[in-house]
């Protein structure tokens, strides 16, 4: 730790991350939760919604990583800001792919395949945008979520992570979101990301999100996918109909294909690199 280690900082629609290059799996082991919390702290650390570790699938013995070895050369070891491991991150994987293309020699003219805890996902880079096939969405019924004295019926959608999507009259109805909305623990035993959604026009919605382990964030890629799926079902839209999803940090494009796979498209930008010397430095 005294010598520090390299990091990158970037974001996808202002959902921001610290990215740790660790191709040989020798720098960070199983990525200590205390280190993740220190890195993500916005006062004493670098500040981020989560940490992405870039490790080759051949160099990490996590079972999900081992399972991905035949199909992907790289594994995205994603951690929430509280240090907990998470299955996937839609904005995070777009930034991850941007890093691989710009700094690890990955060919941007071909699909980039990345191992995650929710399986191997493929991405395409086209200019400033990165589009990821997020895999199939699963619609799992309804649940109840609440803020203060108000409760809503939410659509339960899995897009790699669990989501509860509630349609509200105003995004202000979500309140400050400093605390996690109430949810049914029996339905979501591992916690849930909660999205509050309003309509903005034809195939156009806006959302706010409280992410488990991170709090309210400026954007959530898997959440935007869940919101699009729930909205498409509400609208009775044909599969393949593209939707615009506005988040506080920008705009994402989402399409739910006839094979149930969801495509997520948006910008991904690396903004800085440096050396971490420790939160006490």
Protein backbone atom coordinates (compact mmCIF):
# COMPACT_ATOMS: atom_id res chain seq x y z
CA UNK A 1 0.00 0.00 0.00
CA UNK A 2 2.89 2.38 0.67
CA UNK A 3 3.74 2.39 -3.03
CA UNK A 4 0.13 2.82 -4.06
CA UNK A 5 -1.52 1.45 -7.18
CA UNK A 6 -2.91 2.78 -10.43
CA UNK A 7 -6.57 3.62 -11.01
CA UNK A 8 -8.81 5.15 -13.66
CA UNK A 9 -11.90 7.25 -13.06
CA UNK A 10 -14.82 7.44 -15.47
CA UNK A 11 -18.57 7.51 -15.84
CA UNK A 12 -21.54 6.50 -17.94
CA UNK A 13 -24.24 9.20 -17.84
CA UNK A 14 -22.65 10.39 -14.56
CA UNK A 15 -22.90 6.98 -12.87
CA UNK A 16 -19.23 7.08 -11.86
CA UNK A 17 -16.68 4.40 -11.11
CA UNK A 18 -13.12 3.77 -10.04
CA UNK A 19 -11.56 1.23 -12.39
CA UNK A 20 -8.64 -0.86 -11.14
CA UNK A 21 -6.43 -2.50 -13.79
CA UNK A 22 -5.43 -5.95 -12.48
CA UNK A 23 -4.95 -8.11 -15.59
CA UNK A 24 -2.89 -10.79 -13.84
CA UNK A 25 -5.00 -10.88 -10.69
CA UNK A 26 -1.99 -10.09 -8.53
CA UNK A 27 -2.75 -6.59 -7.27
CA UNK A 28 -6.05 -6.88 -5.41
CA UNK A 29 -6.81 -10.53 -4.62
CA UNK A 30 -10.47 -10.76 -3.62
CA UNK A 31 -10.78 -6.94 -3.49
CA UNK A 32 -11.15 -6.02 0.16
CA UNK A 33 -14.48 -4.38 1.03
CA UNK A 34 -12.78 -1.78 3.23
CA UNK A 35 -10.65 -0.71 0.27
CA UNK A 36 -13.71 -0.38 -1.96
CA UNK A 37 -15.46 1.81 0.61
CA UNK A 38 -12.34 3.97 0.96
CA UNK A 39 -11.98 4.41 -2.79
CA UNK A 40 -15.65 5.35 -3.20
CA UNK A 41 -15.78 7.82 -0.31
CA UNK A 42 -16.46 11.26 -1.82
CA UNK A 43 -14.69 13.16 0.96
CA UNK A 44 -11.66 11.09 1.93
CA UNK A 45 -11.34 8.93 -1.20
CA UNK A 46 -11.61 9.27 -4.96
CA UNK A 47 -15.38 9.21 -4.95
CA UNK A 48 -17.54 6.80 -6.97
CA UNK A 49 -20.76 4.79 -7.09
CA UNK A 50 -18.74 1.59 -7.38
CA UNK A 51 -15.46 -0.10 -8.27
CA UNK A 52 -14.68 -2.06 -11.44
CA UNK A 53 -11.69 -4.39 -11.35
CA UNK A 54 -10.40 -5.41 -14.79
CA UNK A 55 -8.93 -8.90 -14.49
CA UNK A 56 -8.32 -11.60 -17.10
CA UNK A 57 -10.62 -14.59 -16.74
CA UNK A 58 -7.55 -16.84 -16.72
CA UNK A 59 -6.20 -15.09 -13.61
CA UNK A 60 -9.14 -15.05 -11.15
CA UNK A 61 -10.72 -18.04 -9.43
CA UNK A 62 -14.15 -16.57 -8.68
CA UNK A 63 -16.62 -19.26 -9.87
CA UNK A 64 -18.37 -16.81 -12.21
CA UNK A 65 -15.02 -15.85 -13.69
CA UNK A 66 -14.01 -19.49 -14.18
CA UNK A 67 -17.34 -20.16 -15.92
CA UNK A 68 -16.65 -17.30 -18.35
CA UNK A 69 -13.18 -18.42 -19.46
CA UNK A 70 -14.24 -20.16 -22.66
CA UNK A 71 -16.24 -17.17 -23.90
CA UNK A 72 -14.46 -14.05 -22.59
CA UNK A 73 -10.88 -12.94 -22.00
CA UNK A 74 -11.80 -10.32 -19.38
CA UNK A 75 -13.91 -10.35 -16.21
CA UNK A 76 -15.58 -7.32 -14.65
CA UNK A 77 -15.31 -7.73 -10.88
CA UNK A 78 -17.92 -5.15 -9.81
CA UNK A 79 -18.38 -3.89 -6.26
CA UNK A 80 -20.98 -1.47 -4.89
CA UNK A 81 -19.83 1.57 -2.95
CA UNK A 82 -20.47 -0.26 0.35
CA UNK A 83 -18.00 -2.97 -0.65
CA UNK A 84 -20.54 -5.66 -1.53
CA UNK A 85 -20.24 -7.65 -4.75
CA UNK A 86 -22.94 -7.17 -7.38
CA UNK A 87 -24.02 -9.27 -10.32
CA UNK A 88 -23.81 -6.60 -13.00
CA UNK A 89 -23.75 -2.89 -13.80
CA UNK A 90 -24.99 -1.61 -17.15
CA UNK A 91 -23.20 1.73 -17.04
CA UNK A 92 -20.16 0.09 -15.49
CA UNK A 93 -19.76 -2.50 -18.23
CA UNK A 94 -19.90 0.21 -20.89
CA UNK A 95 -17.07 2.06 -19.14
CA UNK A 96 -15.23 -1.25 -18.70
CA UNK A 97 -15.40 -1.88 -22.45
CA UNK A 98 -14.21 1.66 -23.16
CA UNK A 99 -11.17 0.99 -20.98
CA UNK A 100 -10.42 -2.34 -22.68
CA UNK A 101 -10.55 -0.75 -26.12
CA UNK A 102 -8.48 2.30 -25.26
CA UNK A 103 -5.89 0.75 -22.94
CA UNK A 104 -5.80 -3.04 -23.26
CA UNK A 105 -5.64 -3.38 -27.04
CA UNK A 106 -9.09 -4.90 -27.48
CA UNK A 107 -10.40 -4.61 -31.06
CA UNK A 108 -13.33 -2.13 -31.16
CA UNK A 109 -14.49 -3.33 -34.60
CA UNK A 110 -15.54 -6.68 -33.13
CA UNK A 111 -18.01 -7.53 -30.36
CA UNK A 112 -16.25 -7.23 -26.99
CA UNK A 113 -17.22 -10.09 -24.67
CA UNK A 114 -16.94 -9.57 -20.92
CA UNK A 115 -17.52 -12.01 -18.07
CA UNK A 116 -19.72 -10.81 -15.19
CA UNK A 117 -21.47 -12.40 -12.23
CA UNK A 118 -24.62 -12.55 -14.36
CA UNK A 119 -22.91 -14.24 -17.32
CA UNK A 120 -20.92 -13.24 -20.39
CA UNK A 121 -22.18 -10.09 -22.13
CA UNK A 122 -21.23 -8.68 -25.53
CA UNK A 123 -20.75 -5.00 -26.41
CA UNK A 124 -20.25 -2.96 -29.57
CA UNK A 125 -18.38 0.34 -29.71
CA UNK A 126 -19.56 2.96 -32.19
CA UNK A 127 -17.97 6.35 -31.66
CA UNK A 128 -18.83 7.85 -28.29
CA UNK A 129 -21.50 5.23 -27.65
CA UNK A 130 -21.19 1.71 -26.31
CA UNK A 131 -24.09 -0.69 -26.81
CA UNK A 132 -24.33 -3.78 -24.62
CA UNK A 133 -26.52 -6.84 -25.10
CA UNK A 134 -27.62 -7.14 -21.47
CA UNK A 135 -29.09 -10.60 -21.97
CA UNK A 136 -32.72 -11.56 -21.38
CA UNK A 137 -34.98 -9.61 -19.05
CA UNK A 138 -37.21 -11.55 -16.69
CA UNK A 139 -40.56 -10.14 -15.59
CA UNK A 140 -41.34 -11.63 -12.19
CA UNK A 141 -44.65 -10.13 -11.13
CA UNK A 142 -45.38 -7.25 -8.80
CA UNK A 143 -44.31 -6.07 -5.36
CA UNK A 144 -44.82 -3.14 -3.01
CA UNK A 145 -42.34 -0.35 -2.35
CA UNK A 146 -42.75 2.75 -0.22
CA UNK A 147 -41.30 6.10 0.79
CA UNK A 148 -42.57 7.80 3.94
CA UNK A 149 -46.32 7.27 4.17
CA UNK A 150 -46.75 6.58 0.45
CA UNK A 151 -46.64 3.14 -1.16
CA UNK A 152 -46.73 2.04 -4.79
CA UNK A 153 -47.19 -1.19 -6.65
CA UNK A 154 -43.95 -1.90 -8.52
CA UNK A 155 -43.12 -4.19 -11.42
CA UNK A 156 -40.48 -6.76 -10.43
CA UNK A 157 -37.98 -7.06 -13.28
CA UNK A 158 -34.61 -8.82 -13.31
CA UNK A 159 -32.02 -7.49 -15.78
CA UNK A 160 -29.03 -9.16 -14.18
CA UNK A 161 -29.85 -7.27 -10.97
CA UNK A 162 -33.25 -7.21 -9.21
CA UNK A 163 -35.38 -4.11 -9.81
CA UNK A 164 -38.69 -2.72 -8.55
CA UNK A 165 -40.14 -0.22 -11.06
CA UNK A 166 -42.85 2.17 -9.83
CA UNK A 167 -44.71 4.70 -11.98
CA UNK A 168 -45.29 7.95 -10.08
CA UNK A 169 -46.91 11.32 -10.76
CA UNK A 170 -43.68 13.26 -10.19
CA UNK A 171 -40.06 12.29 -9.65
CA UNK A 172 -40.23 14.42 -6.50
CA UNK A 173 -42.58 11.78 -5.04
CA UNK A 174 -39.46 9.68 -4.31
CA UNK A 175 -38.33 12.24 -1.73
CA UNK A 176 -34.65 12.67 -0.91
CA UNK A 177 -33.79 8.96 -1.36
CA UNK A 178 -31.18 9.28 1.36
CA UNK A 179 -32.52 6.00 2.71
CA UNK A 180 -33.53 2.90 0.81
CA UNK A 181 -37.25 2.73 -0.06
CA UNK A 182 -39.24 0.12 1.80
CA UNK A 183 -39.48 -3.19 -0.02
CA UNK A 184 -40.72 -6.72 0.56
CA UNK A 185 -37.75 -8.65 1.96
CA UNK A 186 -39.43 -11.94 1.09
CA UNK A 187 -39.48 -10.91 -2.60
CA UNK A 188 -36.02 -9.31 -2.56
CA UNK A 189 -33.95 -11.20 0.05
CA UNK A 190 -30.69 -9.71 -1.30
CA UNK A 191 -32.02 -6.18 -1.59
CA UNK A 192 -33.36 -4.38 -4.65
CA UNK A 193 -32.75 -1.39 -6.89
CA UNK A 194 -35.85 0.82 -6.90
CA UNK A 195 -36.79 3.03 -9.87
CA UNK A 196 -39.35 5.85 -9.85
CA UNK A 197 -40.63 6.64 -13.35
CA UNK A 198 -42.65 9.35 -15.10
CA UNK A 199 -43.71 9.58 -18.75
CA UNK A 200 -42.20 12.31 -20.93
CA UNK A 201 -43.77 11.41 -24.28
CA UNK A 202 -44.13 8.59 -26.77
CA UNK A 203 -41.50 5.92 -25.98
CA UNK A 204 -39.85 8.42 -23.64
CA UNK A 205 -39.63 8.24 -19.84
CA UNK A 206 -37.54 9.75 -17.04
CA UNK A 207 -36.42 8.03 -13.85
CA UNK A 208 -34.71 8.32 -10.50
CA UNK A 209 -33.11 5.32 -8.83
CA UNK A 210 -31.97 4.14 -5.42
CA UNK A 211 -29.34 1.43 -5.94
CA UNK A 212 -28.79 -1.16 -3.24
CA UNK A 213 -25.38 -0.68 -1.70
CA UNK A 214 -24.87 2.78 -3.24
CA UNK A 215 -27.90 4.98 -2.58
CA UNK A 216 -29.35 7.36 -5.16
CA UNK A 217 -27.15 7.53 -8.25
CA UNK A 218 -27.18 9.77 -11.30
CA UNK A 219 -27.88 6.80 -13.54
CA UNK A 220 -28.34 3.03 -13.49
CA UNK A 221 -27.94 1.00 -16.67
CA UNK A 222 -29.67 -2.19 -15.55
CA UNK A 223 -32.31 0.04 -13.97
CA UNK A 224 -32.93 1.85 -17.26
CA UNK A 225 -33.38 -1.56 -18.90
CA UNK A 226 -35.87 -2.63 -16.23
CA UNK A 227 -37.73 0.66 -16.59
CA UNK A 228 -37.94 0.25 -20.37
CA UNK A 229 -39.28 -3.30 -20.02
CA UNK A 230 -41.91 -2.25 -17.48
CA UNK A 231 -42.92 0.75 -19.60
CA UNK A 232 -43.10 -1.33 -22.76
CA UNK A 233 -45.45 -3.76 -21.01
CA UNK A 234 -47.56 -0.88 -19.72
CA UNK A 235 -47.74 0.64 -23.21
CA UNK A 236 -48.37 -2.64 -25.02
CA UNK A 237 -45.47 -1.79 -27.33
CA UNK A 238 -44.17 -4.22 -29.92
CA UNK A 239 -40.83 -5.86 -29.22
CA UNK A 240 -37.97 -4.02 -30.87
CA UNK A 241 -39.51 -0.61 -30.18
CA UNK A 242 -36.70 1.73 -29.01
CA UNK A 243 -37.25 3.82 -25.89
CA UNK A 244 -35.47 6.89 -24.57
CA UNK A 245 -34.80 6.80 -20.83
CA UNK A 246 -33.72 10.07 -19.22
CA UNK A 247 -31.68 9.82 -16.02
CA UNK A 248 -30.35 12.72 -13.91
CA UNK A 249 -26.96 12.26 -15.59
CA UNK A 250 -28.06 12.09 -19.22
CA UNK A 251 -29.94 9.88 -21.66
CA UNK A 252 -29.84 6.16 -22.45
CA UNK A 253 -31.35 4.22 -25.33
CA UNK A 254 -32.98 0.87 -24.58
CA UNK A 255 -34.57 -1.75 -26.84
CA UNK A 256 -36.26 -5.01 -25.77
CA UNK A 257 -35.91 -7.52 -28.60
CA UNK A 258 -38.25 -10.36 -29.51
CA UNK A 259 -35.77 -12.88 -28.05
CA UNK A 260 -36.14 -11.13 -24.64
CA UNK A 261 -32.62 -9.66 -24.81
CA UNK A 262 -32.30 -6.00 -23.86
CA UNK A 263 -29.90 -3.64 -25.65
CA UNK A 264 -28.53 -0.70 -23.65
CA UNK A 265 -26.77 2.16 -25.45
CA UNK A 266 -25.11 5.27 -24.06
CA UNK A 267 -21.87 7.19 -23.63
CA UNK A 268 -18.93 5.96 -21.55
CA UNK A 269 -16.04 8.28 -20.74
CA UNK A 270 -12.70 7.86 -18.95
CA UNK A 271 -11.92 11.22 -17.33
CA UNK A 272 -8.80 10.72 -15.18
CA UNK A 273 -6.07 8.34 -14.08
CA UNK A 274 -3.81 8.44 -11.07
CA UNK A 275 -2.20 6.64 -8.14
CA UNK A 276 -4.04 5.68 -4.98
CA UNK A 277 -1.80 6.30 -1.97
CA UNK A 278 -4.31 5.36 0.73
CA UNK A 279 -7.09 7.28 2.46
CA UNK A 280 -4.69 8.23 5.24
CA UNK A 281 -2.05 9.65 2.88
